[in-house]
PDB file of N, CA and C in Angstrom:
ATOM      1  N   MET A   1      -5.758   7.317  -2.336  1.00  0.00           N
ATOM      2  CA  MET A   1      -5.397   6.345  -3.252  1.00  0.00           C
ATOM      3  C   MET A   1      -4.357   5.342  -2.403  1.00  0.00           C
ATOM      4  N   THR A   2      -4.899   4.408  -2.327  1.00  0.00           N
ATOM      5  CA  THR A   2      -3.965   3.127  -1.450  1.00  0.00           C
ATOM      6  C   THR A   2      -3.701   2.243  -2.535  1.00  0.00           C
ATOM      7  N   ILE A   3      -2.378   1.404  -2.447  1.00  0.00           N
ATOM      8  CA  ILE A   3      -1.876   0.673  -3.640  1.00  0.00           C
ATOM      9  C   ILE A   3      -1.707  -0.549  -2.867  1.00  0.00           C
ATOM     10  N   GLY A   4      -1.951  -1.408  -3.642  1.00  0.00           N
ATOM     11  CA  GLY A   4      -1.821  -2.862  -2.880  1.00  0.00           C
ATOM     12  C   GLY A   4      -0.856  -3.894  -4.307  1.00  0.00           C
ATOM     13  N   TYR A   5      -0.939  -5.094  -3.972  1.00  0.00           N
ATOM     14  CA  TYR A   5      -0.353  -6.157  -4.767  1.00  0.00           C
ATOM     15  C   TYR A   5      -1.720  -6.850  -5.176  1.00  0.00           C
ATOM     16  N   CYS A   6      -2.379  -7.238  -6.360  1.00  0.00           N
ATOM     17  CA  CYS A   6      -3.140  -7.919  -6.553  1.00  0.00           C
ATOM     18  C   CYS A   6      -2.581  -9.647  -7.445  1.00  0.00           C
ATOM     19  N   VAL A   7      -2.885 -10.466  -6.471  1.00  0.00           N
ATOM     20  CA  VAL A   7      -2.285 -11.841  -7.162  1.00  0.00           C
ATOM     21  C   VAL A   7      -2.639 -12.203  -8.275  1.00  0.00           C
ATOM     22  N   LYS A   8      -4.229 -11.960  -8.764  1.00  0.00           N
ATOM     23  CA  LYS A   8      -4.904 -12.388  -9.598  1.00  0.00           C
ATOM     24  C   LYS A   8      -3.934 -11.430 -11.111  1.00  0.00           C
ATOM     25  N   CYS A   9      -3.806 -10.362 -10.977  1.00  0.00           N
ATOM     26  CA  CYS A   9      -3.427  -9.517 -11.953  1.00  0.00           C
ATOM     27  C   CYS A   9      -1.918  -9.633 -11.958  1.00  0.00           C
ATOM     28  N   ARG A  10      -1.341  -9.743 -11.013  1.00  0.00           N
ATOM     29  CA  ARG A  10       0.451 -10.196 -10.620  1.00  0.00           C
ATOM     30  C   ARG A  10       0.866  -8.681 -10.879  1.00  0.00           C
ATOM     31  N   ALA A  11       0.343  -7.704 -10.616  1.00  0.00           N
ATOM     32  CA  ALA A  11       0.759  -6.350 -10.403  1.00  0.00           C
ATOM     33  C   ALA A  11       0.465  -5.398  -9.471  1.00  0.00           C
ATOM     34  N   LYS A  12       0.762  -4.583  -8.970  1.00  0.00           N
ATOM     35  CA  LYS A  12       0.309  -3.077  -8.139  1.00  0.00           C
ATOM     36  C   LYS A  12      -0.807  -2.595  -8.749  1.00  0.00           C
ATOM     37  N   ARG A  13      -1.939  -2.769  -7.983  1.00  0.00           N
ATOM     38  CA  ARG A  13      -2.982  -1.922  -8.370  1.00  0.00           C
ATOM     39  C   ARG A  13      -3.486  -1.068  -7.194  1.00  0.00           C
ATOM     40  N   GLU A  14      -4.392  -0.256  -7.774  1.00  0.00           N
ATOM     41  CA  GLU A  14      -5.142   0.494  -6.420  1.00  0.00           C
ATOM     42  C   GLU A  14      -6.039  -0.025  -6.291  1.00  0.00           C
ATOM     43  N   ILE A  15      -6.260  -0.020  -4.727  1.00  0.00           N
ATOM     44  CA  ILE A  15      -7.578  -0.697  -3.787  1.00  0.00           C
ATOM     45  C   ILE A  15      -8.539  -0.074  -3.954  1.00  0.00           C
ATOM     46  N   SER A  16      -9.916  -0.435  -4.634  1.00  0.00           N
ATOM     47  CA  SER A  16     -10.993   0.267  -4.380  1.00  0.00           C
ATOM     48  C   SER A  16     -11.766   0.032  -3.373  1.00  0.00           C
ATOM     49  N   GLY A  17     -12.567   1.264  -2.811  1.00  0.00           N
ATOM     50  CA  GLY A  17     -13.119   0.597  -1.810  1.00  0.00           C
ATOM     51  C   GLY A  17     -12.468   0.461  -0.339  1.00  0.00           C
ATOM     52  N   ALA A  18     -11.421   0.903  -0.306  1.00  0.00           N
ATOM     53  CA  ALA A  18     -10.612   0.593   0.860  1.00  0.00           C
ATOM     54  C   ALA A  18     -10.985   0.868   2.215  1.00  0.00           C
ATOM     55  N   GLN A  19     -11.184   0.058   2.969  1.00  0.00           N
ATOM     56  CA  GLN A  19     -11.251   0.077   4.172  1.00  0.00           C
ATOM     57  C   GLN A  19     -10.376  -0.494   5.556  1.00  0.00           C
ATOM     58  N   SER A  20     -10.395   0.389   6.680  1.00  0.00           N
ATOM     59  CA  SER A  20      -9.587  -0.281   7.432  1.00  0.00           C
ATOM     60  C   SER A  20     -10.450  -1.532   8.294  1.00  0.00           C
ATOM     61  N   THR A  21      -9.350  -2.126   8.596  1.00  0.00           N
ATOM     62  CA  THR A  21     -10.065  -3.261   9.734  1.00  0.00           C
ATOM     63  C   THR A  21      -9.018  -3.527  10.418  1.00  0.00           C
ATOM     64  N   VAL A  22      -9.301  -4.957  11.661  1.00  0.00           N
ATOM     65  CA  VAL A  22      -8.294  -5.036  12.454  1.00  0.00           C
ATOM     66  C   VAL A  22      -8.285  -6.595  12.532  1.00  0.00           C
ATOM     67  N   LEU A  23      -6.994  -6.920  12.518  1.00  0.00           N
ATOM     68  CA  LEU A  23      -6.622  -8.384  12.534  1.00  0.00           C
ATOM     69  C   LEU A  23      -6.823  -8.882  13.839  1.00  0.00           C
ATOM     70  N   LYS A  24      -7.077 -10.354  13.668  1.00  0.00           N
ATOM     71  CA  LYS A  24      -7.243 -11.009  15.310  1.00  0.00           C
ATOM     72  C   LYS A  24      -6.122 -10.729  16.401  1.00  0.00           C
ATOM     73  N   ASN A  25      -4.967 -10.437  16.107  1.00  0.00           N
ATOM     74  CA  ASN A  25      -3.683 -10.391  16.561  1.00  0.00           C
ATOM     75  C   ASN A  25      -3.726  -8.598  16.933  1.00  0.00           C
ATOM     76  N   GLY A  26      -4.677  -7.853  16.541  1.00  0.00           N
ATOM     77  CA  GLY A  26      -4.756  -6.313  16.870  1.00  0.00           C
ATOM     78  C   GLY A  26      -4.021  -5.399  15.680  1.00  0.00           C
ATOM     79  N   ALA A  27      -3.343  -5.902  14.818  1.00  0.00           N
ATOM     80  CA  ALA A  27      -2.802  -5.274  14.201  1.00  0.00           C
ATOM     81  C   ALA A  27      -3.600  -4.571  12.774  1.00  0.00           C
ATOM     82  N   SER A  28      -3.646  -3.474  12.167  1.00  0.00           N
ATOM     83  CA  SER A  28      -4.290  -2.605  11.521  1.00  0.00           C
ATOM     84  C   SER A  28      -4.190  -3.351  10.106  1.00  0.00           C
ATOM     85  N   ALA A  29      -5.142  -3.264   9.246  1.00  0.00           N
ATOM     86  CA  ALA A  29      -5.234  -3.642   7.639  1.00  0.00           C
ATOM     87  C   ALA A  29      -6.139  -2.876   6.955  1.00  0.00           C
ATOM     88  N   ILE A  30      -5.785  -2.762   5.680  1.00  0.00           N
ATOM     89  CA  ILE A  30      -6.666  -2.391   4.590  1.00  0.00           C
ATOM     90  C   ILE A  30      -7.239  -3.257   3.703  1.00  0.00           C
ATOM     91  N   GLU A  31      -8.510  -3.346   3.511  1.00  0.00           N
ATOM     92  CA  GLU A  31      -9.156  -4.296   2.683  1.00  0.00           C
ATOM     93  C   GLU A  31      -9.834  -3.388   1.871  1.00  0.00           C
ATOM     94  N   GLY A  32     -10.040  -4.089   0.518  1.00  0.00           N
ATOM     95  CA  GLY A  32     -11.030  -3.818  -0.780  1.00  0.00           C
ATOM     96  C   GLY A  32     -10.713  -4.633  -1.949  1.00  0.00           C
ATOM     97  N   THR A  33     -11.155  -3.913  -2.785  1.00  0.00           N
ATOM     98  CA  THR A  33     -11.119  -4.789  -4.374  1.00  0.00           C
ATOM     99  C   THR A  33     -10.308  -4.338  -5.328  1.00  0.00           C
ATOM    100  N   CYS A  34      -9.970  -5.079  -6.276  1.00  0.00           N
ATOM    101  CA  CYS A  34      -8.780  -4.261  -7.252  1.00  0.00           C
ATOM    102  C   CYS A  34      -9.525  -3.578  -8.269  1.00  0.00           C
ATOM    103  N   SER A  35      -9.037  -2.734  -8.596  1.00  0.00           N
ATOM    104  CA  SER A  35      -9.553  -1.392  -9.512  1.00  0.00           C
ATOM    105  C   SER A  35      -9.589  -2.181 -11.135  1.00  0.00           C
ATOM    106  N   ALA A  36      -8.970  -3.227 -11.336  1.00  0.00           N
ATOM    107  CA  ALA A  36      -8.790  -3.723 -12.580  1.00  0.00           C
ATOM    108  C   ALA A  36      -9.854  -5.039 -12.811  1.00  0.00           C
ATOM    109  N   CYS A  37      -9.533  -5.714 -11.711  1.00  0.00           N
ATOM    110  CA  CYS A  37     -10.117  -7.611 -12.011  1.00  0.00           C
ATOM    111  C   CYS A  37     -11.115  -7.486 -10.862  1.00  0.00           C
ATOM    112  N   GLU A  38     -11.550  -6.672 -10.047  1.00  0.00           N
ATOM    113  CA  GLU A  38     -12.497  -6.772  -8.821  1.00  0.00           C
ATOM    114  C   GLU A  38     -12.408  -7.980  -8.113  1.00  0.00           C
ATOM    115  N   THR A  39     -10.906  -8.369  -7.917  1.00  0.00           N
ATOM    116  CA  THR A  39     -10.232  -9.543  -7.031  1.00  0.00           C
ATOM    117  C   THR A  39     -10.294  -8.823  -5.554  1.00  0.00           C
ATOM    118  N   LYS A  40     -10.794  -9.607  -4.642  1.00  0.00           N
ATOM    119  CA  LYS A  40     -10.284  -9.302  -3.201  1.00  0.00           C
ATOM    120  C   LYS A  40      -8.768  -8.717  -2.867  1.00  0.00           C
ATOM    121  N   MET A  41      -8.526  -7.426  -2.278  1.00  0.00           N
ATOM    122  CA  MET A  41      -6.995  -7.303  -2.142  1.00  0.00           C
ATOM    123  C   MET A  41      -6.983  -6.902  -0.291  1.00  0.00           C
ATOM    124  N   PHE A  42      -5.846  -7.193  -0.134  1.00  0.00           N
ATOM    125  CA  PHE A  42      -5.503  -7.229   1.346  1.00  0.00           C
ATOM    126  C   PHE A  42      -4.251  -6.450   1.885  1.00  0.00           C
ATOM    127  N   ARG A  43      -3.829  -5.535   2.365  1.00  0.00           N
ATOM    128  CA  ARG A  43      -2.877  -4.960   2.644  1.00  0.00           C
ATOM    129  C   ARG A  43      -2.752  -4.540   4.237  1.00  0.00           C
ATOM    130  N   ILE A  44      -1.529  -5.213   4.908  1.00  0.00           N
ATOM    131  CA  ILE A  44      -1.230  -4.750   6.366  1.00  0.00           C
ATOM    132  C   ILE A  44      -0.786  -3.234   6.517  1.00  0.00           C
ATOM    133  N   GLY A  45      -1.177  -2.648   7.430  1.00  0.00           N
ATOM    134  CA  GLY A  45      -1.160  -1.334   7.937  1.00  0.00           C
ATOM    135  C   GLY A  45      -2.245  -0.320   7.720  1.00  0.00           C
ATOM    136  N   LYS A  46      -2.290   0.845   8.518  1.00  0.00           N
ATOM    137  CA  LYS A  46      -2.997   1.903   8.552  1.00  0.00           C
ATOM    138  C   LYS A  46      -3.019   2.396   7.420  1.00  0.00           C
ATOM    139  N   ILE A  47      -4.391   2.646   6.923  1.00  0.00           N
ATOM    140  CA  ILE A  47      -4.499   3.763   5.712  1.00  0.00           C
ATOM    141  C   ILE A  47      -3.582   5.444   5.856  1.00  0.00           C
ATOM    142  N   GLU A  48      -4.166   5.556   7.059  1.00  0.00           N
ATOM    143  CA  GLU A  48      -3.341   7.097   7.578  1.00  0.00           C
ATOM    144  C   GLU A  48      -1.889   7.277   7.411  1.00  0.00           C
ATOM    145  N   ILE A  49      -1.335   6.130   7.551  1.00  0.00           N
ATOM    146  CA  ILE A  49       0.236   6.128   7.255  1.00  0.00           C
ATOM    147  C   ILE A  49       0.582   5.752   6.278  1.00  0.00           C
ATOM    148  N   ILE A  50       0.187   4.849   5.404  1.00  0.00           N
ATOM    149  CA  ILE A  50       0.336   4.309   4.354  1.00  0.00           C
ATOM    150  C   ILE A  50       0.045   5.343   3.085  1.00  0.00           C
ATOM    151  N   GLN A  51      -0.828   5.766   3.225  1.00  0.00           N
ATOM    152  CA  GLN A  51      -1.270   6.845   2.053  1.00  0.00           C
ATOM    153  C   GLN A  51      -0.090   7.795   1.827  1.00  0.00           C
ATOM    154  N   PRO A  52      -0.115   8.860   2.926  1.00  0.00           N
ATOM    155  CA  PRO A  52       0.760  10.198   2.828  1.00  0.00           C
ATOM    156  C   PRO A  52       2.216   9.559   2.069  1.00  0.00           C
ATOM    157  N   VAL A  53       2.806   8.238   2.805  1.00  0.00           N
ATOM    158  CA  VAL A  53       4.364   7.887   2.088  1.00  0.00           C
ATOM    159  C   VAL A  53       4.172   7.585   0.406  1.00  0.00           C
ATOM    160  N   LEU A  54       2.813   6.686   0.162  1.00  0.00           N
ATOM    161  CA  LEU A  54       2.634   6.129  -1.187  1.00  0.00           C
ATOM    162  C   LEU A  54       2.631   7.468  -1.983  1.00  0.00           C
ATOM    163  N   GLU A  55       1.812   8.546  -1.724  1.00  0.00           N
ATOM    164  CA  GLU A  55       1.661   9.609  -2.400  1.00  0.00           C
ATOM    165  C   GLU A  55       2.799  10.697  -2.855  1.00  0.00           C
ATOM    166  N   GLN A  56       3.850  10.563  -1.734  1.00  0.00           N
ATOM    167  CA  GLN A  56       5.075  11.169  -2.076  1.00  0.00           C
ATOM    168  C   GLN A  56       6.126  10.591  -3.024  1.00  0.00           C
ATOM    169  N   THR A  57       5.961   9.260  -2.544  1.00  0.00           N
ATOM    170  CA  THR A  57       6.938   8.220  -3.792  1.00  0.00           C
ATOM    171  C   THR A  57       6.224   8.126  -4.917  1.00  0.00           C
ATOM    172  N   ILE A  58       5.208   7.814  -5.007  1.00  0.00           N
ATOM    173  CA  ILE A  58       4.427   7.648  -6.353  1.00  0.00           C
ATOM    174  C   ILE A  58       4.618   8.916  -7.131  1.00  0.00           C
ATOM    175  N   GLY A  59       4.908  10.540  -6.442  1.00  0.00           N
ATOM    176  CA  GLY A  59       5.036  11.639  -7.248  1.00  0.00           C
ATOM    177  C   GLY A  59       6.380  11.656  -7.542  1.00  0.00           C
ATOM    178  N   ALA A  60       7.223  11.068  -7.064  1.00  0.00           N
ATOM    179  CA  ALA A  60       8.730  11.443  -7.102  1.00  0.00           C
ATOM    180  C   ALA A  60       9.014  10.577  -8.658  1.00  0.00           C
ATOM    181  N   PRO A  61      10.190  10.796  -9.199  1.00  0.00           N
ATOM    182  CA  PRO A  61      10.440  10.085 -10.279  1.00  0.00           C
ATOM    183  C   PRO A  61      11.068   8.581 -10.029  1.00  0.00           C
ATOM    184  N   GLN A  62       9.977   7.575 -10.819  1.00  0.00           N
ATOM    185  CA  GLN A  62      10.903   6.273 -10.342  1.00  0.00           C
ATOM    186  C   GLN A  62      11.884   6.030 -11.197  1.00  0.00           C
ATOM    187  N   HIS A  63      13.095   5.717 -10.094  1.00  0.00           N
ATOM    188  CA  HIS A  63      14.534   4.938 -10.646  1.00  0.00           C
ATOM    189  C   HIS A  63      14.305   3.549 -10.044  1.00  0.00           C
ATOM    190  N   GLU A  64      15.237   2.437 -10.809  1.00  0.00           N
ATOM    191  CA  GLU A  64      14.884   1.294 -10.380  1.00  0.00           C
ATOM    192  C   GLU A  64      14.948   0.671  -8.819  1.00  0.00           C
ATOM    193  N   GLU A  65      16.325   0.923  -8.559  1.00  0.00           N
ATOM    194  CA  GLU A  65      16.785   0.509  -7.240  1.00  0.00           C
ATOM    195  C   GLU A  65      16.601   1.782  -6.313  1.00  0.00           C
ATOM    196  N   SER A  66      16.973   3.224  -6.813  1.00  0.00           N
ATOM    197  CA  SER A  66      16.794   3.908  -5.577  1.00  0.00           C
ATOM    198  C   SER A  66      15.402   4.477  -5.327  1.00  0.00           C
ATOM    199  N   SER A  67      14.380   4.565  -6.226  1.00  0.00           N
ATOM    200  CA  SER A  67      13.036   4.610  -5.269  1.00  0.00           C
ATOM    201  C   SER A  67      12.722   3.573  -4.252  1.00  0.00           C
ATOM    202  N   ARG A  68      13.100   2.336  -4.732  1.00  0.00           N
ATOM    203  CA  ARG A  68      12.670   0.811  -3.342  1.00  0.00           C
ATOM    204  C   ARG A  68      13.515   1.405  -2.317  1.00  0.00           C
ATOM    205  N   TRP A  69      14.691   1.956  -2.230  1.00  0.00           N
ATOM    206  CA  TRP A  69      15.434   2.200  -1.097  1.00  0.00           C
ATOM    207  C   TRP A  69      14.957   3.573  -0.162  1.00  0.00           C
ATOM    208  N   ASN A  70      14.373   4.488  -1.154  1.00  0.00           N
ATOM    209  CA  ASN A  70      13.980   5.949  -0.831  1.00  0.00           C
ATOM    210  C   ASN A  70      12.546   5.593   0.247  1.00  0.00           C
ATOM    211  N   PHE A  71      11.655   4.757  -0.408  1.00  0.00           N
ATOM    212  CA  PHE A  71      10.702   4.576   0.085  1.00  0.00           C
ATOM    213  C   PHE A  71      10.876   3.668   1.710  1.00  0.00           C
ATOM    214  N   LEU A  72      11.941   2.819   1.334  1.00  0.00           N
ATOM    215  CA  LEU A  72      11.908   2.119   2.704  1.00  0.00           C
ATOM    216  C   LEU A  72      12.718   2.905   3.898  1.00  0.00           C
ATOM    217  N   ASP A  73      13.387   4.122   3.452  1.00  0.00           N
ATOM    218  CA  ASP A  73      13.908   5.014   4.436  1.00  0.00           C
ATOM    219  C   ASP A  73      13.186   5.574   4.635  1.00  0.00           C
ATOM    220  N   GLN A  74      11.854   6.041   4.277  1.00  0.00           N
ATOM    221  CA  GLN A  74      10.867   6.994   4.668  1.00  0.00           C
ATOM    222  C   GLN A  74       9.877   6.189   5.470  1.00  0.00           C
ATOM    223  N   VAL A  75       9.872   4.376   5.357  1.00  0.00           N
ATOM    224  CA  VAL A  75       8.696   3.793   6.104  1.00  0.00           C
ATOM    225  C   VAL A  75       9.479   3.790   7.585  1.00  0.00           C
ATOM    226  N   ARG A  76      10.861   3.543   7.300  1.00  0.00           N
ATOM    227  CA  ARG A  76      11.785   3.274   8.282  1.00  0.00           C
ATOM    228  C   ARG A  76      11.975   4.549   9.299  1.00  0.00           C
ATOM    229  N   LYS A  77      11.273   5.938   9.079  1.00  0.00           N
ATOM    230  CA  LYS A  77      11.798   7.087   9.826  1.00  0.00           C
ATOM    231  C   LYS A  77      10.154   7.103  10.537  1.00  0.00           C
ATOM    232  N   ILE A  78       9.365   6.680   9.883  1.00  0.00           N
ATOM    233  CA  ILE A  78       8.217   6.467  10.628  1.00  0.00           C
ATOM    234  C   ILE A  78       7.848   5.170  11.459  1.00  0.00           C
ATOM    235  N   PHE A  79       8.405   4.121  11.075  1.00  0.00           N
ATOM    236  CA  PHE A  79       8.540   3.307  12.071  1.00  0.00           C
ATOM    237  C   PHE A  79       9.889   2.653  12.668  1.00  0.00           C
ATOM    238  N   PRO A  80      10.284   2.925  13.545  1.00  0.00           N
ATOM    239  CA  PRO A  80      11.921   3.228  13.970  1.00  0.00           C
ATOM    240  C   PRO A  80      12.215   1.610  14.261  1.00  0.00           C
TER     241      PRO A  80
END
């Protein structure tokens, strides 16, 4: 389960049919479609790295500011 921001829905949605791609500058990205409106979605990062972090934070109770900062702290541990 990979989450991205859908510009058409203006909300975070699950990316269906997510595939890893490589950008011109060599950075990894995830490409797929919105599960609600079938619009093309794009997220920079590797599936292998983003997916475990998202599963941990989605399973945790959501608090307004604290969950955001906890997620950023987890990402900073992975990417110092």
